[in-house]
Amino acid sequence: MIKNSYKSNQKIYEAEVIESSTIDSNIILKILIKAGRSIAKPALEVLEMAIDPLTPTNVRISLIAALAYLIMPLDLLPDFMPVVGFSDDFVALTAVLSIWSKYMTPAIRIRAEEKLNKLFPF
């Protein structure tokens, strides 16, 4: 009897890993246009690394977290603040890139650069 009540009081938690196909890059691209080229480059590198099929899952999770921080409207330094608004986002993106730099491939950099040049053709 005690065993049954113990089992019925247990909570079961489920977790779902976000697949790279669920990342909405259009939201990120709109924010990057507003942020400018200096923020866009590391953000696009993070995005490309996150959607690359060879990137390990644990690396993807931290990359997606950095991108989520970028799209949050209110963070340590809110993005609407002139000049400094995106500086904390830049630090988060460059930090995650330096941590996982061993997974950065030339192909990822090329894809990010191509997207960057489309967003900022000048």
Protein backbone atom coordinates (compact mmCIF):
# COMPACT_ATOMS: atom_id res chain seq x y z
CA MET A 1 0.00 0.00 0.00
CA ILE A 2 2.80 2.40 0.85
CA LYS A 3 4.55 1.61 -2.45
CA ASN A 4 1.43 2.47 -4.48
CA SER A 5 0.89 5.82 -2.77
CA TYR A 6 4.56 6.65 -3.24
CA LYS A 7 4.34 5.96 -6.94
CA SER A 8 1.17 8.00 -7.36
CA ASN A 9 2.81 11.03 -5.73
CA GLN A 10 5.75 11.00 -8.10
CA LYS A 11 5.86 13.73 -10.68
CA ILE A 12 6.97 12.96 -14.16
CA TYR A 13 8.71 15.69 -16.11
CA GLU A 14 9.22 15.68 -19.82
CA ALA A 15 11.66 17.79 -21.75
CA GLU A 16 11.76 18.50 -25.42
CA VAL A 17 14.92 19.48 -27.24
CA ILE A 18 14.36 22.23 -29.76
CA GLU A 19 15.13 21.08 -33.25
CA SER A 20 17.10 23.46 -35.43
CA SER A 21 14.20 23.52 -37.90
CA THR A 22 12.01 25.30 -35.32
CA ILE A 23 14.26 28.36 -35.15
CA ASP A 24 12.49 31.25 -36.84
CA SER A 25 15.36 33.04 -38.53
CA ASN A 26 13.05 35.80 -39.85
CA ILE A 27 12.59 37.22 -36.34
CA ILE A 28 16.32 37.20 -35.81
CA LEU A 29 16.97 38.84 -39.19
CA LYS A 30 14.53 41.70 -38.44
CA ILE A 31 16.29 42.41 -35.15
CA LEU A 32 19.70 42.25 -36.82
CA ILE A 33 18.73 44.87 -39.38
CA LYS A 34 17.81 47.15 -36.49
CA ALA A 35 20.96 46.28 -34.53
CA GLY A 36 23.41 46.80 -37.36
CA ARG A 37 26.27 44.96 -39.00
CA SER A 38 28.51 44.71 -35.92
CA ILE A 39 25.88 42.72 -34.00
CA ALA A 40 24.64 40.89 -37.07
CA LYS A 41 27.91 39.15 -37.87
CA PRO A 42 28.32 37.17 -34.62
CA ALA A 43 24.56 36.58 -34.45
CA LEU A 44 24.51 35.07 -37.92
CA GLU A 45 27.51 32.92 -37.09
CA VAL A 46 25.71 31.69 -33.96
CA LEU A 47 22.54 31.05 -35.99
CA GLU A 48 24.40 29.15 -38.69
CA MET A 49 26.26 27.07 -36.11
CA ALA A 50 22.96 26.32 -34.31
CA ILE A 51 21.28 25.05 -37.47
CA ASP A 52 24.30 23.13 -38.73
CA PRO A 53 23.52 19.40 -38.48
CA LEU A 54 27.06 18.60 -37.28
CA THR A 55 26.78 20.83 -34.20
CA PRO A 56 26.27 18.75 -31.04
CA THR A 57 22.98 19.14 -29.16
CA ASN A 58 24.53 20.61 -25.99
CA VAL A 59 26.28 23.26 -28.09
CA ARG A 60 23.03 24.06 -29.94
CA ILE A 61 21.23 24.64 -26.65
CA SER A 62 23.67 27.31 -25.53
CA LEU A 63 23.72 28.89 -28.99
CA ILE A 64 19.93 29.07 -29.05
CA ALA A 65 19.98 30.58 -25.56
CA ALA A 66 22.29 33.34 -26.80
CA LEU A 67 19.97 33.99 -29.75
CA ALA A 68 16.99 34.05 -27.40
CA TYR A 69 18.77 36.70 -25.33
CA LEU A 70 19.23 38.73 -28.52
CA ILE A 71 15.53 38.72 -29.37
CA MET A 72 14.34 39.48 -25.83
CA PRO A 73 13.20 43.13 -25.87
CA LEU A 74 14.09 43.71 -22.22
CA ASP A 75 17.41 42.42 -21.00
CA LEU A 76 20.38 43.74 -19.03
CA LEU A 77 20.61 46.77 -21.31
CA PRO A 78 17.29 47.13 -23.17
CA ASP A 79 17.73 47.16 -26.94
CA PHE A 80 15.80 50.40 -27.39
CA MET A 81 18.56 52.36 -25.58
CA PRO A 82 20.62 54.28 -28.14
CA VAL A 83 24.22 53.15 -28.71
CA VAL A 84 24.51 50.75 -25.71
CA GLY A 85 21.27 48.80 -26.21
CA PHE A 86 22.82 45.95 -28.15
CA SER A 87 26.19 45.89 -26.37
CA ASP A 88 25.16 43.19 -23.87
CA ASP A 89 23.76 41.14 -26.76
CA PHE A 90 27.10 41.49 -28.55
CA VAL A 91 28.98 40.29 -25.46
CA ALA A 92 26.67 37.26 -25.08
CA LEU A 93 27.05 36.32 -28.75
CA THR A 94 30.82 36.70 -28.86
CA ALA A 95 31.19 34.82 -25.58
CA VAL A 96 29.22 31.83 -26.84
CA LEU A 97 31.18 31.91 -30.10
CA SER A 98 34.49 31.84 -28.26
CA ILE A 99 33.34 28.99 -26.01
CA TRP A 100 32.26 26.83 -28.95
CA SER A 101 34.79 28.05 -31.53
CA LYS A 102 36.03 24.52 -32.18
CA TYR A 103 32.69 23.81 -33.89
CA MET A 104 32.96 26.83 -36.21
CA THR A 105 33.71 25.63 -39.72
CA PRO A 106 34.64 27.59 -42.82
CA ALA A 107 31.27 26.61 -44.34
CA ILE A 108 29.41 28.13 -41.37
CA ARG A 109 31.41 31.36 -41.66
CA ILE A 110 30.73 31.55 -45.41
CA ARG A 111 26.97 31.06 -44.95
CA ALA A 112 26.92 33.71 -42.21
CA GLU A 113 28.92 36.13 -44.38
CA GLU A 114 26.57 35.60 -47.33
CA LYS A 115 23.55 36.40 -45.15
CA LEU A 116 25.36 39.39 -43.69
CA ASN A 117 26.08 40.77 -47.16
CA LYS A 118 22.43 40.33 -48.16
CA LEU A 119 21.25 42.21 -45.07
CA PHE A 120 23.89 44.95 -45.40
CA PRO A 121 24.90 45.20 -49.07
CA PHE A 122 26.87 48.41 -48.55
